[in-house]
Protein backbone atom coordinates (compact mmCIF):
# COMPACT_ATOMS: atom_id res chain seq x y z
CA MET A 1 -43.90 11.96 57.34
CA SER A 2 -40.42 10.24 56.26
CA THR A 3 -38.71 8.56 58.57
CA PRO A 4 -35.28 8.13 59.01
CA ALA A 5 -35.22 4.97 57.59
CA THR A 6 -37.02 5.99 55.00
CA SER A 7 -34.54 8.72 54.11
CA LYS A 8 -31.82 6.14 54.10
CA ASP A 9 -33.72 3.70 51.65
CA GLU A 10 -34.19 6.87 49.51
CA MET A 11 -30.46 7.87 49.63
CA ARG A 12 -29.04 4.12 49.17
CA ARG A 13 -31.58 3.86 46.34
CA ARG A 14 -30.43 7.20 45.04
CA ALA A 15 -27.16 6.35 45.43
CA GLU A 16 -27.66 2.79 43.44
CA ILE A 17 -29.04 4.50 40.50
CA ARG A 18 -25.88 6.87 40.63
CA GLU A 19 -23.60 4.04 40.15
CA LYS A 20 -25.42 2.39 37.68
CA ASN A 21 -25.47 5.42 35.28
CA ALA A 22 -21.66 6.14 35.86
CA GLU A 23 -21.35 2.61 34.92
CA LEU A 24 -23.68 2.68 32.04
CA ARG A 25 -21.51 5.90 30.75
CA ARG A 26 -18.31 4.28 31.19
CA ILE A 27 -19.24 1.31 28.76
CA ASP A 28 -20.83 3.83 26.35
CA ALA A 29 -17.20 5.80 26.63
CA ALA A 30 -15.02 2.71 26.24
CA ARG A 31 -17.72 1.34 23.20
CA ALA A 32 -16.84 5.19 22.04
CA MET A 33 -13.29 4.61 21.99
CA GLU A 34 -13.22 1.37 20.20
CA ALA A 35 -14.95 2.73 17.71
CA GLN A 36 -12.59 5.57 17.34
CA ARG A 37 -10.20 3.15 17.49
CA SER A 38 -11.41 1.07 14.44
CA ALA A 39 -12.33 4.13 12.67
CA GLN A 40 -8.99 5.45 13.10
CA ALA A 41 -7.17 2.01 11.94
CA ALA A 42 -9.51 1.68 8.84
CA GLU A 43 -8.73 5.20 7.67
CA GLN A 44 -4.66 4.43 7.96
CA ALA A 45 -5.06 1.37 6.25
CA LYS A 46 -6.84 2.93 3.58
CA THR A 47 -4.16 6.35 3.10
CA ALA A 48 -1.40 3.54 2.99
CA ARG A 49 -3.35 1.48 0.45
CA LEU A 50 -3.76 4.84 -1.72
CA ARG A 51 -0.20 5.65 -1.08
CA ALA A 52 1.24 2.65 -2.31
CA LEU A 53 -0.83 2.61 -5.36
CA ARG A 54 -0.16 6.36 -6.19
CA LEU A 55 4.09 5.64 -5.59
CA ALA A 56 3.42 2.92 -8.18
CA LYS A 57 1.53 4.95 -10.32
CA LEU A 58 4.02 7.52 -10.14
CA ALA A 59 6.90 4.88 -10.63
CA GLU A 60 5.15 3.26 -13.88
CA GLU A 61 4.46 6.90 -15.43
CA ALA A 62 8.66 7.76 -14.63
CA GLU A 63 9.53 4.42 -16.62
CA GLU A 64 7.00 5.02 -19.34
CA LYS A 65 8.80 8.63 -19.21
CA ALA A 66 12.46 7.45 -19.52
CA ALA A 67 11.60 4.61 -22.47
CA GLY A 68 9.84 7.68 -24.05
CA ALA A 69 12.71 9.56 -23.70
CA ARG A 70 14.76 6.92 -25.44
CA LYS A 71 12.77 5.76 -27.85
CA PRO A 72 12.62 9.44 -29.79
CA SER A 73 16.80 9.32 -29.18
CA ARG A 74 17.15 6.33 -31.34
CA LYS A 75 14.64 7.18 -33.81
CA LYS A 76 16.62 10.02 -34.50
CA LYS A 77 19.80 8.35 -34.94
CA ALA A 78 18.65 5.49 -36.94
CA ALA A 79 17.16 8.54 -39.39
CA ALA A 80 19.96 10.29 -39.44
CA LYS A 81 22.05 7.68 -40.81
CA VAL A 82 19.88 6.75 -43.62
């Protein structure tokens, strides 16, 4: 047999457990969100670094192509003069 006081104590204990579990879920969710933000920031930094490397490579290739296109024309002119 349970008395009304026992049932109230049991209800209070269960309510405290629910609150504690809810707080633990909130903390876990906050940690997960922080981890996700951190991963996203790292991915954005990596993407920016790779983009900069790619653009530098493209610029270098364009310079080489432009320099390569100019050099043969000079040689042809020099060969034509001889």
